[in-house]
Amino acid sequence: MSFNTKLFLFWLAGVVIGPVVRAALPVAGLWIYAVWVGGPVIFWFLRWLDSQPAISTRYTHWDIENAREEGRQQGYNNGYHNGRNS
């Protein structure tokens, strides 16, 4: 996500949240706080979200498949299925 896109979302968050808070609050002048607070909150959340890895675990699809196959090779008389879980 480019900086210009993030800046636009920062502005958009203030524009969208501002009138909502302004309509909800009896004091109309407080809408500016929604712009000042809502914009940065969404901006930093998107920045944090952008920094997260696409896959959260270190295990790949093939690691999981291999573990499943090893479990199948063990059969049901040992390992996890040792009679207590059947």
C-alpha atoms as a PDB file:
ATOM      1  CA  MET A   1       0.000   0.000   0.000  1.00  0.00           C
ATOM      2  CA  SER A   2       1.570   3.264  -1.071  1.00  0.00           C
ATOM      3  CA  PHE A   3       1.951   6.262   1.191  1.00  0.00           C
ATOM      4  CA  ASN A   4      -0.562   8.235  -0.889  1.00  0.00           C
ATOM      5  CA  THR A   5      -3.144   5.495  -0.407  1.00  0.00           C
ATOM      6  CA  LYS A   6      -2.538   5.480   3.336  1.00  0.00           C
ATOM      7  CA  LEU A   7      -2.776   9.262   3.448  1.00  0.00           C
ATOM      8  CA  PHE A   8      -6.062   9.136   1.544  1.00  0.00           C
ATOM      9  CA  LEU A   9      -7.452   6.529   3.949  1.00  0.00           C
ATOM     10  CA  PHE A  10      -6.285   8.693   6.853  1.00  0.00           C
ATOM     11  CA  TRP A  11      -8.263  11.614   5.443  1.00  0.00           C
ATOM     12  CA  LEU A  12     -11.254   9.437   4.532  1.00  0.00           C
ATOM     13  CA  ALA A  13     -11.433   8.004   8.042  1.00  0.00           C
ATOM     14  CA  GLY A  14     -11.732  11.504   9.450  1.00  0.00           C
ATOM     15  CA  VAL A  15     -14.326  12.538   6.886  1.00  0.00           C
ATOM     16  CA  VAL A  16     -16.454   9.440   7.509  1.00  0.00           C
ATOM     17  CA  ILE A  17     -16.087   9.201  11.284  1.00  0.00           C
ATOM     18  CA  GLY A  18     -16.362  12.953  11.833  1.00  0.00           C
ATOM     19  CA  PRO A  19     -19.996  13.430  10.759  1.00  0.00           C
ATOM     20  CA  VAL A  20     -21.049  10.195  12.486  1.00  0.00           C
ATOM     21  CA  VAL A  21     -19.670  11.380  15.804  1.00  0.00           C
ATOM     22  CA  ARG A  22     -20.981  14.872  15.175  1.00  0.00           C
ATOM     23  CA  ALA A  23     -24.485  13.483  14.694  1.00  0.00           C
ATOM     24  CA  ALA A  24     -24.188  11.354  17.810  1.00  0.00           C
ATOM     25  CA  LEU A  25     -22.797  14.021  20.116  1.00  0.00           C
ATOM     26  CA  PRO A  26     -24.910  16.881  21.437  1.00  0.00           C
ATOM     27  CA  VAL A  27     -21.941  19.253  21.178  1.00  0.00           C
ATOM     28  CA  ALA A  28     -21.419  19.739  17.445  1.00  0.00           C
ATOM     29  CA  GLY A  29     -17.934  21.168  17.850  1.00  0.00           C
ATOM     30  CA  LEU A  30     -16.535  17.870  19.103  1.00  0.00           C
ATOM     31  CA  TRP A  31     -16.629  16.288  15.640  1.00  0.00           C
ATOM     32  CA  ILE A  32     -13.085  17.531  15.043  1.00  0.00           C
ATOM     33  CA  TYR A  33     -11.860  15.082  17.683  1.00  0.00           C
ATOM     34  CA  ALA A  34     -13.223  12.240  15.581  1.00  0.00           C
ATOM     35  CA  VAL A  35     -11.155  13.513  12.672  1.00  0.00           C
ATOM     36  CA  TRP A  36      -8.040  13.869  14.830  1.00  0.00           C
ATOM     37  CA  VAL A  37      -8.489  10.532  16.602  1.00  0.00           C
ATOM     38  CA  GLY A  38     -10.319   8.342  14.076  1.00  0.00           C
ATOM     39  CA  GLY A  39      -7.965   9.134  11.215  1.00  0.00           C
ATOM     40  CA  PRO A  40      -4.737   8.213  13.028  1.00  0.00           C
ATOM     41  CA  VAL A  41      -6.294   5.114  14.624  1.00  0.00           C
ATOM     42  CA  ILE A  42      -7.314   3.693  11.260  1.00  0.00           C
ATOM     43  CA  PHE A  43      -4.040   4.848   9.661  1.00  0.00           C
ATOM     44  CA  TRP A  44      -1.878   3.079  12.250  1.00  0.00           C
ATOM     45  CA  PHE A  45      -4.109  -0.001  12.222  1.00  0.00           C
ATOM     46  CA  LEU A  46      -3.669  -0.294   8.446  1.00  0.00           C
ATOM     47  CA  ARG A  47       0.067   0.260   8.811  1.00  0.00           C
ATOM     48  CA  TRP A  48       0.232  -2.511  11.425  1.00  0.00           C
ATOM     49  CA  LEU A  49      -1.925  -4.781   9.266  1.00  0.00           C
ATOM     50  CA  ASP A  50       0.325  -4.148   6.271  1.00  0.00           C
ATOM     51  CA  SER A  51       3.373  -5.227   8.292  1.00  0.00           C
ATOM     52  CA  GLN A  52       1.877  -8.590   9.297  1.00  0.00           C
ATOM     53  CA  PRO A  53       3.095 -11.661   7.411  1.00  0.00           C
ATOM     54  CA  ALA A  54       0.653 -13.262   5.000  1.00  0.00           C
ATOM     55  CA  ILE A  55       1.029 -16.636   6.760  1.00  0.00           C
ATOM     56  CA  SER A  56       1.172 -16.476  10.532  1.00  0.00           C
ATOM     57  CA  THR A  57       2.818 -19.861  11.196  1.00  0.00           C
ATOM     58  CA  ARG A  58       6.209 -21.205  10.254  1.00  0.00           C
ATOM     59  CA  TYR A  59       4.656 -24.461   9.073  1.00  0.00           C
ATOM     60  CA  THR A  60       3.918 -24.863   5.383  1.00  0.00           C
ATOM     61  CA  HIS A  61       1.121 -26.811   3.767  1.00  0.00           C
ATOM     62  CA  TRP A  62       3.550 -29.654   3.070  1.00  0.00           C
ATOM     63  CA  ASP A  63       4.685 -29.861   6.704  1.00  0.00           C
ATOM     64  CA  ILE A  64       1.087 -30.369   7.758  1.00  0.00           C
ATOM     65  CA  GLU A  65       0.461 -32.962   5.033  1.00  0.00           C
ATOM     66  CA  ASN A  66       3.604 -34.895   6.002  1.00  0.00           C
ATOM     67  CA  ALA A  67       2.561 -34.915   9.657  1.00  0.00           C
ATOM     68  CA  ARG A  68      -0.850 -36.260   8.688  1.00  0.00           C
ATOM     69  CA  GLU A  69       0.734 -39.006   6.606  1.00  0.00           C
ATOM     70  CA  GLU A  70       3.059 -39.979   9.460  1.00  0.00           C
ATOM     71  CA  GLY A  71       0.003 -40.264  11.687  1.00  0.00           C
ATOM     72  CA  ARG A  72      -1.671 -42.533   9.149  1.00  0.00           C
ATOM     73  CA  GLN A  73       1.428 -44.742   8.961  1.00  0.00           C
ATOM     74  CA  GLN A  74       1.425 -45.216  12.745  1.00  0.00           C
ATOM     75  CA  GLY A  75      -2.014 -46.743  12.650  1.00  0.00           C
ATOM     76  CA  TYR A  76      -4.544 -46.681  15.450  1.00  0.00           C
ATOM     77  CA  ASN A  77      -2.692 -48.877  17.971  1.00  0.00           C
ATOM     78  CA  ASN A  78      -0.039 -46.372  18.972  1.00  0.00           C
ATOM     79  CA  GLY A  79       0.579 -42.674  19.006  1.00  0.00           C
ATOM     80  CA  TYR A  80      -2.427 -40.562  19.812  1.00  0.00           C
ATOM     81  CA  HIS A  81      -4.937 -43.343  19.129  1.00  0.00           C
ATOM     82  CA  ASN A  82      -3.705 -45.739  21.811  1.00  0.00           C
ATOM     83  CA  GLY A  83      -7.073 -46.990  22.995  1.00  0.00           C
ATOM     84  CA  ARG A  84      -7.868 -44.123  25.341  1.00  0.00           C
ATOM     85  CA  ASN A  85      -9.280 -41.942  22.587  1.00  0.00           C
ATOM     86  CA  SER A  86     -11.350 -44.426  20.605  1.00  0.00           C
END
